PDB file of all heavy atoms in Angstrom:
ATOM      1  N   LEU A   1       0.878  -1.165   0.000  1.00  0.00           N
ATOM      2  CA  LEU A   1       0.000   0.000   0.000  1.00  0.00           C
ATOM      3  C   LEU A   1       0.916   1.214   0.000  1.00  0.00           C
ATOM      4  O   LEU A   1       1.722   1.394   0.919  1.00  0.00           O
ATOM      5  CB  LEU A   1      -0.903   0.012   1.237  1.00  0.00           C
ATOM      6  CG  LEU A   1      -1.789   1.239   1.416  1.00  0.00           C
ATOM      7  CD1 LEU A   1      -2.739   1.401   0.244  1.00  0.00           C
ATOM      8  CD2 LEU A   1      -2.554   1.139   2.724  1.00  0.00           C
ATOM      9  N   ILE A   2       0.838   2.033  -1.040  1.00  0.00           N
ATOM     10  CA  ILE A   2       1.698   3.203  -1.183  1.00  0.00           C
ATOM     11  C   ILE A   2       0.843   4.426  -0.880  1.00  0.00           C
ATOM     12  O   ILE A   2      -0.081   4.747  -1.629  1.00  0.00           O
ATOM     13  CB  ILE A   2       2.310   3.264  -2.595  1.00  0.00           C
ATOM     14  CG1 ILE A   2       3.003   1.919  -2.919  1.00  0.00           C
ATOM     15  CG2 ILE A   2       3.301   4.416  -2.699  1.00  0.00           C
ATOM     16  CD1 ILE A   2       3.387   1.760  -4.359  1.00  0.00           C
ATOM     17  N   GLY A   3       1.130   5.076   0.227  1.00  0.00           N
ATOM     18  CA  GLY A   3       0.295   6.149   0.753  1.00  0.00           C
ATOM     19  C   GLY A   3       0.416   7.457  -0.004  1.00  0.00           C
ATOM     20  O   GLY A   3       1.220   7.607  -0.936  1.00  0.00           O
ATOM     21  N   PRO A   4      -0.374   8.446   0.396  1.00  0.00           N
ATOM     22  CA  PRO A   4      -0.391   9.750  -0.269  1.00  0.00           C
ATOM     23  C   PRO A   4       1.000  10.383  -0.337  1.00  0.00           C
ATOM     24  O   PRO A   4       1.745  10.374   0.641  1.00  0.00           O
ATOM     25  CB  PRO A   4      -1.328  10.589   0.608  1.00  0.00           C
ATOM     26  CG  PRO A   4      -2.207   9.581   1.279  1.00  0.00           C
ATOM     27  CD  PRO A   4      -1.339   8.375   1.503  1.00  0.00           C
ATOM     28  N   ALA A   5       1.342  10.886  -1.517  1.00  0.00           N
ATOM     29  CA  ALA A   5       2.593  11.588  -1.795  1.00  0.00           C
ATOM     30  C   ALA A   5       3.832  10.703  -1.642  1.00  0.00           C
ATOM     31  O   ALA A   5       4.947  11.200  -1.679  1.00  0.00           O
ATOM     32  CB  ALA A   5       2.724  12.835  -0.931  1.00  0.00           C
ATOM     33  N   ALA A   6       3.657   9.398  -1.484  1.00  0.00           N
ATOM     34  CA  ALA A   6       4.791   8.477  -1.310  1.00  0.00           C
ATOM     35  C   ALA A   6       5.245   7.919  -2.657  1.00  0.00           C
ATOM     36  O   ALA A   6       4.474   7.859  -3.613  1.00  0.00           O
ATOM     37  CB  ALA A   6       4.397   7.331  -0.390  1.00  0.00           C
ATOM     38  N   THR A   7       6.514   7.544  -2.704  1.00  0.00           N
ATOM     39  CA  THR A   7       7.073   6.880  -3.877  1.00  0.00           C
ATOM     40  C   THR A   7       7.747   5.600  -3.420  1.00  0.00           C
ATOM     41  O   THR A   7       8.546   5.618  -2.476  1.00  0.00           O
ATOM     42  CB  THR A   7       8.113   7.775  -4.580  1.00  0.00           C
ATOM     43  OG1 THR A   7       7.471   8.970  -5.026  1.00  0.00           O
ATOM     44  CG2 THR A   7       8.727   7.057  -5.773  1.00  0.00           C
ATOM     45  N   LEU A   8       7.429   4.501  -4.076  1.00  0.00           N
ATOM     46  CA  LEU A   8       8.061   3.216  -3.784  1.00  0.00           C
ATOM     47  C   LEU A   8       8.870   2.788  -5.000  1.00  0.00           C
ATOM     48  O   LEU A   8       8.371   2.807  -6.123  1.00  0.00           O
ATOM     49  CB  LEU A   8       7.007   2.140  -3.479  1.00  0.00           C
ATOM     50  CG  LEU A   8       7.543   0.710  -3.275  1.00  0.00           C
ATOM     51  CD1 LEU A   8       8.433   0.628  -2.039  1.00  0.00           C
ATOM     52  CD2 LEU A   8       6.383  -0.272  -3.177  1.00  0.00           C
ATOM     53  N   ALA A   9      10.131   2.432  -4.775  1.00  0.00           N
ATOM     54  CA  ALA A   9      10.984   1.875  -5.831  1.00  0.00           C
ATOM     55  C   ALA A   9      11.316   0.443  -5.439  1.00  0.00           C
ATOM     56  O   ALA A   9      11.935   0.213  -4.395  1.00  0.00           O
ATOM     57  CB  ALA A   9      12.249   2.697  -5.994  1.00  0.00           C
ATOM     58  N   VAL A  10      10.879  -0.503  -6.255  1.00  0.00           N
ATOM     59  CA  VAL A  10      11.162  -1.920  -6.032  1.00  0.00           C
ATOM     60  C   VAL A  10      12.168  -2.326  -7.097  1.00  0.00           C
ATOM     61  O   VAL A  10      11.825  -2.471  -8.271  1.00  0.00           O
ATOM     62  CB  VAL A  10       9.878  -2.771  -6.126  1.00  0.00           C
ATOM     63  CG1 VAL A  10      10.195  -4.243  -5.892  1.00  0.00           C
ATOM     64  CG2 VAL A  10       8.839  -2.281  -5.133  1.00  0.00           C
ATOM     65  N   VAL A  11      13.431  -2.458  -6.686  1.00  0.00           N
ATOM     66  CA  VAL A  11      14.522  -2.706  -7.628  1.00  0.00           C
ATOM     67  C   VAL A  11      15.387  -3.851  -7.074  1.00  0.00           C
ATOM     68  O   VAL A  11      16.494  -3.633  -6.586  1.00  0.00           O
ATOM     69  CB  VAL A  11      15.363  -1.430  -7.853  1.00  0.00           C
ATOM     70  CG1 VAL A  11      16.381  -1.644  -8.967  1.00  0.00           C
ATOM     71  CG2 VAL A  11      14.469  -0.240  -8.180  1.00  0.00           C
ATOM     72  N   PRO A  12      14.876  -5.086  -7.132  1.00  0.00           N
ATOM     73  CA  PRO A  12      15.657  -6.214  -6.620  1.00  0.00           C
ATOM     74  C   PRO A  12      16.750  -6.632  -7.600  1.00  0.00           C
ATOM     75  O   PRO A  12      16.782  -6.165  -8.748  1.00  0.00           O
ATOM     76  CB  PRO A  12      14.600  -7.323  -6.496  1.00  0.00           C
ATOM     77  CG  PRO A  12      13.651  -7.014  -7.617  1.00  0.00           C
ATOM     78  CD  PRO A  12      13.593  -5.497  -7.684  1.00  0.00           C
ATOM     79  N   ASP A  13      17.632  -7.499  -7.141  1.00  0.00           N
ATOM     80  CA  ASP A  13      18.544  -8.163  -8.064  1.00  0.00           C
ATOM     81  C   ASP A  13      17.711  -9.068  -8.960  1.00  0.00           C
ATOM     82  O   ASP A  13      16.584  -9.436  -8.605  1.00  0.00           O
ATOM     83  CB  ASP A  13      19.571  -8.995  -7.295  1.00  0.00           C
ATOM     84  CG  ASP A  13      20.606  -8.135  -6.589  1.00  0.00           C
ATOM     85  OD1 ASP A  13      20.760  -6.966  -6.967  1.00  0.00           O
ATOM     86  OD2 ASP A  13      21.259  -8.636  -5.663  1.00  0.00           O
ATOM     87  N   PRO A  14      18.234  -9.468 -10.112  1.00  0.00           N
ATOM     88  CA  PRO A  14      17.420 -10.289 -11.011  1.00  0.00           C
ATOM     89  C   PRO A  14      17.160 -11.686 -10.450  1.00  0.00           C
ATOM     90  O   PRO A  14      17.978 -12.256  -9.724  1.00  0.00           O
ATOM     91  CB  PRO A  14      18.257 -10.356 -12.289  1.00  0.00           C
ATOM     92  CG  PRO A  14      19.642 -10.068 -11.864  1.00  0.00           C
ATOM     93  CD  PRO A  14      19.548  -9.158 -10.681  1.00  0.00           C
ATOM     94  N   LEU A  15      16.010 -12.201 -10.791  1.00  0.00           N
ATOM     95  CA  LEU A  15      15.602 -13.558 -10.451  1.00  0.00           C
ATOM     96  C   LEU A  15      16.407 -14.544 -11.290  1.00  0.00           C
ATOM     97  O   LEU A  15      16.608 -14.323 -12.486  1.00  0.00           O
ATOM     98  CB  LEU A  15      14.107 -13.696 -10.759  1.00  0.00           C
ATOM     99  CG  LEU A  15      13.483 -15.075 -10.799  1.00  0.00           C
ATOM    100  CD1 LEU A  15      13.410 -15.649  -9.392  1.00  0.00           C
ATOM    101  CD2 LEU A  15      12.092 -14.992 -11.409  1.00  0.00           C
ATOM    102  N   THR A  16      16.870 -15.631 -10.666  1.00  0.00           N
ATOM    103  CA  THR A  16      17.558 -16.691 -11.399  1.00  0.00           C
ATOM    104  C   THR A  16      16.869 -18.007 -11.102  1.00  0.00           C
ATOM    105  O   THR A  16      16.804 -18.430  -9.940  1.00  0.00           O
ATOM    106  CB  THR A  16      19.047 -16.773 -11.008  1.00  0.00           C
ATOM    107  OG1 THR A  16      19.672 -15.535 -11.339  1.00  0.00           O
ATOM    108  CG2 THR A  16      19.748 -17.902 -11.753  1.00  0.00           C
ATOM    109  N   CYS A  17      16.323 -18.629 -12.129  1.00  0.00           N
ATOM    110  CA  CYS A  17      15.658 -19.920 -11.984  1.00  0.00           C
ATOM    111  C   CYS A  17      16.557 -21.004 -12.560  1.00  0.00           C
ATOM    112  O   CYS A  17      16.963 -20.939 -13.722  1.00  0.00           O
ATOM    113  CB  CYS A  17      14.311 -19.916 -12.711  1.00  0.00           C
ATOM    114  SG  CYS A  17      13.112 -18.805 -11.951  1.00  0.00           S
ATOM    115  N   TYR A  18      16.859 -22.013 -11.741  1.00  0.00           N
ATOM    116  CA  TYR A  18      17.714 -23.110 -12.175  1.00  0.00           C
ATOM    117  C   TYR A  18      16.931 -24.047 -13.102  1.00  0.00           C
ATOM    118  O   TYR A  18      15.697 -23.986 -13.176  1.00  0.00           O
ATOM    119  CB  TYR A  18      18.227 -23.890 -10.973  1.00  0.00           C
ATOM    120  CG  TYR A  18      19.146 -23.107 -10.056  1.00  0.00           C
ATOM    121  CD1 TYR A  18      19.466 -21.770 -10.276  1.00  0.00           C
ATOM    122  CD2 TYR A  18      19.692 -23.707  -8.941  1.00  0.00           C
ATOM    123  CE1 TYR A  18      20.309 -21.072  -9.439  1.00  0.00           C
ATOM    124  CE2 TYR A  18      20.543 -23.016  -8.094  1.00  0.00           C
ATOM    125  CZ  TYR A  18      20.844 -21.700  -8.340  1.00  0.00           C
ATOM    126  OH  TYR A  18      21.691 -21.014  -7.500  1.00  0.00           O
ATOM    127  N   ALA A  19      17.633 -24.911 -13.784  1.00  0.00           N
ATOM    128  CA  ALA A  19      16.992 -25.890 -14.677  1.00  0.00           C
ATOM    129  C   ALA A  19      15.947 -26.673 -13.888  1.00  0.00           C
ATOM    130  O   ALA A  19      16.195 -27.123 -12.775  1.00  0.00           O
ATOM    131  CB  ALA A  19      18.031 -26.832 -15.267  1.00  0.00           C
ATOM    132  N   GLY A  20      14.759 -26.792 -14.476  1.00  0.00           N
ATOM    133  CA  GLY A  20      13.680 -27.548 -13.844  1.00  0.00           C
ATOM    134  C   GLY A  20      12.868 -26.779 -12.820  1.00  0.00           C
ATOM    135  O   GLY A  20      11.923 -27.313 -12.249  1.00  0.00           O
ATOM    136  N   ALA A  21      13.181 -25.518 -12.575  1.00  0.00           N
ATOM    137  CA  ALA A  21      12.456 -24.720 -11.584  1.00  0.00           C
ATOM    138  C   ALA A  21      11.063 -24.361 -12.091  1.00  0.00           C
ATOM    139  O   ALA A  21      10.846 -24.157 -13.287  1.00  0.00           O
ATOM    140  CB  ALA A  21      13.232 -23.449 -11.262  1.00  0.00           C
ATOM    141  N   VAL A  22      10.119 -24.267 -11.158  1.00  0.00           N
ATOM    142  CA  VAL A  22       8.761 -23.801 -11.448  1.00  0.00           C
ATOM    143  C   VAL A  22       8.496 -22.650 -10.486  1.00  0.00           C
ATOM    144  O   VAL A  22       8.517 -22.829  -9.261  1.00  0.00           O
ATOM    145  CB  VAL A  22       7.714 -24.917 -11.251  1.00  0.00           C
ATOM    146  CG1 VAL A  22       6.316 -24.390 -11.563  1.00  0.00           C
ATOM    147  CG2 VAL A  22       8.041 -26.131 -12.101  1.00  0.00           C
ATOM    148  N   TYR A  23       8.246 -21.461 -11.028  1.00  0.00           N
ATOM    149  CA  TYR A  23       8.150 -20.257 -10.197  1.00  0.00           C
ATOM    150  C   TYR A  23       6.941 -19.434 -10.605  1.00  0.00           C
ATOM    151  O   TYR A  23       6.683 -19.219 -11.796  1.00  0.00           O
ATOM    152  CB  TYR A  23       9.426 -19.422 -10.353  1.00  0.00           C
ATOM    153  CG  TYR A  23       9.463 -18.165  -9.528  1.00  0.00           C
ATOM    154  CD1 TYR A  23       9.624 -18.210  -8.150  1.00  0.00           C
ATOM    155  CD2 TYR A  23       9.346 -16.914 -10.137  1.00  0.00           C
ATOM    156  CE1 TYR A  23       9.675 -17.047  -7.392  1.00  0.00           C
ATOM    157  CE2 TYR A  23       9.404 -15.748  -9.388  1.00  0.00           C
ATOM    158  CZ  TYR A  23       9.562 -15.822  -8.015  1.00  0.00           C
ATOM    159  OH  TYR A  23       9.617 -14.669  -7.272  1.00  0.00           O
ATOM    160  N   ASP A  24       6.217 -18.939  -9.599  1.00  0.00           N
ATOM    161  CA  ASP A  24       5.034 -18.115  -9.819  1.00  0.00           C
ATOM    162  C   ASP A  24       5.121 -16.906  -8.888  1.00  0.00           C
ATOM    163  O   ASP A  24       5.246 -17.069  -7.673  1.00  0.00           O
ATOM    164  CB  ASP A  24       3.771 -18.919  -9.532  1.00  0.00           C
ATOM    165  CG  ASP A  24       2.517 -18.093  -9.688  1.00  0.00           C
ATOM    166  OD1 ASP A  24       2.233 -17.651 -10.812  1.00  0.00           O
ATOM    167  OD2 ASP A  24       1.825 -17.871  -8.671  1.00  0.00           O
ATOM    168  N   GLN A  25       5.082 -15.720  -9.457  1.00  0.00           N
ATOM    169  CA  GLN A  25       5.211 -14.491  -8.669  1.00  0.00           C
ATOM    170  C   GLN A  25       4.055 -13.552  -8.979  1.00  0.00           C
ATOM    171  O   GLN A  25       3.704 -13.348 -10.142  1.00  0.00           O
ATOM    172  CB  GLN A  25       6.530 -13.811  -9.010  1.00  0.00           C
ATOM    173  CG  GLN A  25       6.713 -12.441  -8.380  1.00  0.00           C
ATOM    174  CD  GLN A  25       8.001 -11.801  -8.839  1.00  0.00           C
ATOM    175  OE1 GLN A  25       9.075 -12.279  -8.506  1.00  0.00           O
ATOM    176  NE2 GLN A  25       7.895 -10.731  -9.625  1.00  0.00           N
ATOM    177  N   VAL A  26       3.480 -12.976  -7.921  1.00  0.00           N
ATOM    178  CA  VAL A  26       2.453 -11.953  -8.080  1.00  0.00           C
ATOM    179  C   VAL A  26       2.835 -10.770  -7.198  1.00  0.00           C
ATOM    180  O   VAL A  26       3.024 -10.927  -5.988  1.00  0.00           O
ATOM    181  CB  VAL A  26       1.049 -12.462  -7.700  1.00  0.00           C
ATOM    182  CG1 VAL A  26       0.024 -11.342  -7.830  1.00  0.00           C
ATOM    183  CG2 VAL A  26       0.651 -13.656  -8.548  1.00  0.00           C
ATOM    184  N   ASN A  27       2.974  -9.596  -7.808  1.00  0.00           N
ATOM    185  CA  ASN A  27       3.225  -8.355  -7.083  1.00  0.00           C
ATOM    186  C   ASN A  27       1.994  -7.472  -7.212  1.00  0.00           C
ATOM    187  O   ASN A  27       1.561  -7.174  -8.330  1.00  0.00           O
ATOM    188  CB  ASN A  27       4.439  -7.617  -7.647  1.00  0.00           C
ATOM    189  CG  ASN A  27       5.735  -8.364  -7.396  1.00  0.00           C
ATOM    190  OD1 ASN A  27       5.828  -9.196  -6.502  1.00  0.00           O
ATOM    191  ND2 ASN A  27       6.740  -8.068  -8.191  1.00  0.00           N
ATOM    192  N   ARG A  28       1.433  -7.080  -6.065  1.00  0.00           N
ATOM    193  CA  ARG A  28       0.250  -6.212  -6.056  1.00  0.00           C
ATOM    194  C   ARG A  28       0.613  -4.893  -5.390  1.00  0.00           C
ATOM    195  O   ARG A  28       1.107  -4.872  -4.260  1.00  0.00           O
ATOM    196  CB  ARG A  28      -0.891  -6.879  -5.302  1.00  0.00           C
ATOM    197  CG  ARG A  28      -1.463  -8.079  -6.016  1.00  0.00           C
ATOM    198  CD  ARG A  28      -2.707  -8.630  -5.319  1.00  0.00           C
ATOM    199  NE  ARG A  28      -3.255  -9.723  -6.077  1.00  0.00           N
ATOM    200  CZ  ARG A  28      -3.019 -11.004  -5.824  1.00  0.00           C
ATOM    201  NH1 ARG A  28      -2.255 -11.349  -4.801  1.00  0.00           N
ATOM    202  NH2 ARG A  28      -3.565 -11.941  -6.570  1.00  0.00           N
ATOM    203  N   TYR A  29       0.339  -3.815  -6.111  1.00  0.00           N
ATOM    204  CA  TYR A  29       0.623  -2.474  -5.604  1.00  0.00           C
ATOM    205  C   TYR A  29      -0.670  -1.676  -5.591  1.00  0.00           C
ATOM    206  O   TYR A  29      -1.337  -1.567  -6.618  1.00  0.00           O
ATOM    207  CB  TYR A  29       1.645  -1.758  -6.496  1.00  0.00           C
ATOM    208  CG  TYR A  29       2.945  -2.503  -6.647  1.00  0.00           C
ATOM    209  CD1 TYR A  29       3.194  -3.260  -7.791  1.00  0.00           C
ATOM    210  CD2 TYR A  29       3.927  -2.442  -5.664  1.00  0.00           C
ATOM    211  CE1 TYR A  29       4.395  -3.939  -7.937  1.00  0.00           C
ATOM    212  CE2 TYR A  29       5.127  -3.115  -5.810  1.00  0.00           C
ATOM    213  CZ  TYR A  29       5.353  -3.860  -6.947  1.00  0.00           C
ATOM    214  OH  TYR A  29       6.535  -4.528  -7.104  1.00  0.00           O
ATOM    215  N   ARG A  30      -0.995  -1.113  -4.441  1.00  0.00           N
ATOM    216  CA  ARG A  30      -2.165  -0.241  -4.335  1.00  0.00           C
ATOM    217  C   ARG A  30      -1.658   1.161  -4.043  1.00  0.00           C
ATOM    218  O   ARG A  30      -1.050   1.397  -2.997  1.00  0.00           O
ATOM    219  CB  ARG A  30      -3.088  -0.734  -3.230  1.00  0.00           C
ATOM    220  CG  ARG A  30      -4.355   0.061  -3.153  1.00  0.00           C
ATOM    221  CD  ARG A  30      -5.315  -0.535  -2.166  1.00  0.00           C
ATOM    222  NE  ARG A  30      -6.450   0.339  -2.016  1.00  0.00           N
ATOM    223  CZ  ARG A  30      -7.342   0.234  -1.056  1.00  0.00           C
ATOM    224  NH1 ARG A  30      -7.230  -0.734  -0.176  1.00  0.00           N
ATOM    225  NH2 ARG A  30      -8.339   1.067  -0.994  1.00  0.00           N
ATOM    226  N   LEU A  31      -1.881   2.070  -4.980  1.00  0.00           N
ATOM    227  CA  LEU A  31      -1.359   3.424  -4.878  1.00  0.00           C
ATOM    228  C   LEU A  31      -2.454   4.404  -4.496  1.00  0.00           C
ATOM    229  O   LEU A  31      -3.569   4.331  -5.021  1.00  0.00           O
ATOM    230  CB  LEU A  31      -0.780   3.894  -6.222  1.00  0.00           C
ATOM    231  CG  LEU A  31       0.612   3.422  -6.625  1.00  0.00           C
ATOM    232  CD1 LEU A  31       0.629   1.945  -6.943  1.00  0.00           C
ATOM    233  CD2 LEU A  31       1.101   4.213  -7.818  1.00  0.00           C
ATOM    234  N   ALA A  32      -2.121   5.328  -3.601  1.00  0.00           N
ATOM    235  CA  ALA A  32      -2.988   6.478  -3.372  1.00  0.00           C
ATOM    236  C   ALA A  32      -2.993   7.302  -4.661  1.00  0.00           C
ATOM    237  O   ALA A  32      -2.127   7.136  -5.523  1.00  0.00           O
ATOM    238  CB  ALA A  32      -2.462   7.310  -2.201  1.00  0.00           C
ATOM    239  N   GLU A  33      -3.956   8.184  -4.802  1.00  0.00           N
ATOM    240  CA  GLU A  33      -4.107   8.951  -6.044  1.00  0.00           C
ATOM    241  C   GLU A  33      -2.835   9.685  -6.452  1.00  0.00           C
ATOM    242  O   GLU A  33      -2.533   9.797  -7.632  1.00  0.00           O
ATOM    243  CB  GLU A  33      -5.262   9.949  -5.920  1.00  0.00           C
ATOM    244  CG  GLU A  33      -6.637   9.322  -5.974  1.00  0.00           C
ATOM    245  CD  GLU A  33      -6.981   8.721  -7.332  1.00  0.00           C
ATOM    246  OE1 GLU A  33      -6.431   9.177  -8.352  1.00  0.00           O
ATOM    247  OE2 GLU A  33      -7.789   7.783  -7.367  1.00  0.00           O
ATOM    248  N   ASP A  34      -2.067  10.199  -5.474  1.00  0.00           N
ATOM    249  CA  ASP A  34      -0.864  10.965  -5.810  1.00  0.00           C
ATOM    250  C   ASP A  34       0.428  10.214  -5.466  1.00  0.00           C
ATOM    251  O   ASP A  34       1.488  10.811  -5.350  1.00  0.00           O
ATOM    252  CB  ASP A  34      -0.885  12.334  -5.123  1.00  0.00           C
ATOM    253  CG  ASP A  34      -0.931  12.228  -3.607  1.00  0.00           C
ATOM    254  OD1 ASP A  34      -1.200  11.124  -3.078  1.00  0.00           O
ATOM    255  OD2 ASP A  34      -0.696  13.249  -2.936  1.00  0.00           O
ATOM    256  N   ALA A  35       0.350   8.897  -5.338  1.00  0.00           N
ATOM    257  CA  ALA A  35       1.537   8.088  -5.066  1.00  0.00           C
ATOM    258  C   ALA A  35       2.214   7.695  -6.374  1.00  0.00           C
ATOM    259  O   ALA A  35       1.646   7.864  -7.461  1.00  0.00           O
ATOM    260  CB  ALA A  35       1.141   6.839  -4.278  1.00  0.00           C
ATOM    261  N   ALA A  36       3.439   7.168  -6.264  1.00  0.00           N
ATOM    262  CA  ALA A  36       4.190   6.772  -7.456  1.00  0.00           C
ATOM    263  C   ALA A  36       4.916   5.453  -7.193  1.00  0.00           C
ATOM    264  O   ALA A  36       5.249   5.124  -6.050  1.00  0.00           O
ATOM    265  CB  ALA A  36       5.188   7.854  -7.845  1.00  0.00           C
ATOM    266  N   LEU A  37       5.176   4.736  -8.285  1.00  0.00           N
ATOM    267  CA  LEU A  37       5.822   3.424  -8.198  1.00  0.00           C
ATOM    268  C   LEU A  37       6.833   3.261  -9.325  1.00  0.00           C
ATOM    269  O   LEU A  37       6.552   3.592 -10.477  1.00  0.00           O
ATOM    270  CB  LEU A  37       4.763   2.307  -8.321  1.00  0.00           C
ATOM    271  CG  LEU A  37       5.291   0.884  -8.516  1.00  0.00           C
ATOM    272  CD1 LEU A  37       5.976   0.362  -7.260  1.00  0.00           C
ATOM    273  CD2 LEU A  37       4.146  -0.047  -8.925  1.00  0.00           C
ATOM    274  N   VAL A  38       8.002   2.741  -8.973  1.00  0.00           N
ATOM    275  CA  VAL A  38       8.979   2.262  -9.942  1.00  0.00           C
ATOM    276  C   VAL A  38       9.167   0.782  -9.629  1.00  0.00           C
ATOM    277  O   VAL A  38       9.641   0.420  -8.550  1.00  0.00           O
ATOM    278  CB  VAL A  38      10.335   2.991  -9.830  1.00  0.00           C
ATOM    279  CG1 VAL A  38      11.333   2.399 -10.811  1.00  0.00           C
ATOM    280  CG2 VAL A  38      10.158   4.478 -10.040  1.00  0.00           C
ATOM    281  N   SER A  39       8.762  -0.069 -10.552  1.00  0.00           N
ATOM    282  CA  SER A  39       8.873  -1.516 -10.363  1.00  0.00           C
ATOM    283  C   SER A  39       9.796  -2.088 -11.431  1.00  0.00           C
ATOM    284  O   SER A  39       9.540  -1.936 -12.623  1.00  0.00           O
ATOM    285  CB  SER A  39       7.481  -2.162 -10.479  1.00  0.00           C
ATOM    286  OG  SER A  39       7.593  -3.569 -10.592  1.00  0.00           O
ATOM    287  N   VAL A  40      10.875  -2.743 -10.991  1.00  0.00           N
ATOM    288  CA  VAL A  40      11.799  -3.410 -11.899  1.00  0.00           C
ATOM    289  C   VAL A  40      11.697  -4.900 -11.612  1.00  0.00           C
ATOM    290  O   VAL A  40      12.002  -5.360 -10.515  1.00  0.00           O
ATOM    291  CB  VAL A  40      13.252  -2.925 -11.696  1.00  0.00           C
ATOM    292  CG1 VAL A  40      14.194  -3.690 -12.620  1.00  0.00           C
ATOM    293  CG2 VAL A  40      13.354  -1.429 -11.926  1.00  0.00           C
ATOM    294  N   ASP A  41      11.231  -5.638 -12.590  1.00  0.00           N
ATOM    295  CA  ASP A  41      11.073  -7.086 -12.458  1.00  0.00           C
ATOM    296  C   ASP A  41      11.922  -7.712 -13.552  1.00  0.00           C
ATOM    297  O   ASP A  41      11.623  -7.545 -14.737  1.00  0.00           O
ATOM    298  CB  ASP A  41       9.595  -7.446 -12.643  1.00  0.00           C
ATOM    299  CG  ASP A  41       9.185  -8.676 -11.873  1.00  0.00           C
ATOM    300  OD1 ASP A  41      10.038  -9.277 -11.215  1.00  0.00           O
ATOM    301  OD2 ASP A  41       7.999  -9.019 -11.943  1.00  0.00           O
ATOM    302  N   TRP A  42      13.004  -8.412 -13.185  1.00  0.00           N
ATOM    303  CA  TRP A  42      13.885  -8.944 -14.207  1.00  0.00           C
ATOM    304  C   TRP A  42      14.387 -10.315 -13.826  1.00  0.00           C
ATOM    305  O   TRP A  42      14.414 -10.693 -12.668  1.00  0.00           O
ATOM    306  CB  TRP A  42      14.987  -7.971 -14.525  1.00  0.00           C
ATOM    307  CG  TRP A  42      15.868  -7.441 -13.419  1.00  0.00           C
ATOM    308  CD1 TRP A  42      15.529  -7.202 -12.122  1.00  0.00           C
ATOM    309  CD2 TRP A  42      17.237  -7.063 -13.552  1.00  0.00           C
ATOM    310  NE1 TRP A  42      16.609  -6.682 -11.447  1.00  0.00           N
ATOM    311  CE2 TRP A  42      17.668  -6.585 -12.291  1.00  0.00           C
ATOM    312  CE3 TRP A  42      18.134  -7.053 -14.600  1.00  0.00           C
ATOM    313  CZ2 TRP A  42      18.952  -6.124 -12.052  1.00  0.00           C
ATOM    314  CZ3 TRP A  42      19.425  -6.589 -14.362  1.00  0.00           C
ATOM    315  CH2 TRP A  42      19.814  -6.138 -13.109  1.00  0.00           C
ATOM    316  N   LEU A  43      14.740 -11.079 -14.849  1.00  0.00           N
ATOM    317  CA  LEU A  43      15.230 -12.428 -14.615  1.00  0.00           C
ATOM    318  C   LEU A  43      16.334 -12.776 -15.602  1.00  0.00           C
ATOM    319  O   LEU A  43      16.383 -12.232 -16.709  1.00  0.00           O
ATOM    320  CB  LEU A  43      14.107 -13.463 -14.698  1.00  0.00           C
ATOM    321  CG  LEU A  43      13.469 -13.747 -16.046  1.00  0.00           C
ATOM    322  CD1 LEU A  43      13.014 -15.196 -16.091  1.00  0.00           C
ATOM    323  CD2 LEU A  43      12.288 -12.843 -16.281  1.00  0.00           C
ATOM    324  N   THR A  44      17.195 -13.678 -15.157  1.00  0.00           N
ATOM    325  CA  THR A  44      18.282 -14.160 -16.002  1.00  0.00           C
ATOM    326  C   THR A  44      17.854 -15.454 -16.667  1.00  0.00           C
ATOM    327  O   THR A  44      16.838 -16.052 -16.314  1.00  0.00           O
ATOM    328  CB  THR A  44      19.560 -14.430 -15.186  1.00  0.00           C
ATOM    329  OG1 THR A  44      19.361 -15.605 -14.378  1.00  0.00           O
ATOM    330  CG2 THR A  44      19.918 -13.238 -14.306  1.00  0.00           C
TER     331      THR A  44
END
């Protein structure tokens, strides 16, 4: 939950899935009207 006038930056290291891996990811962001988000989702 990103509150009024707030900015959230989600910048993790990249995801690495090994051979045979099964992975499921859900990111939910709820922003106030004047909030901001930078989301970096990356994988190797």
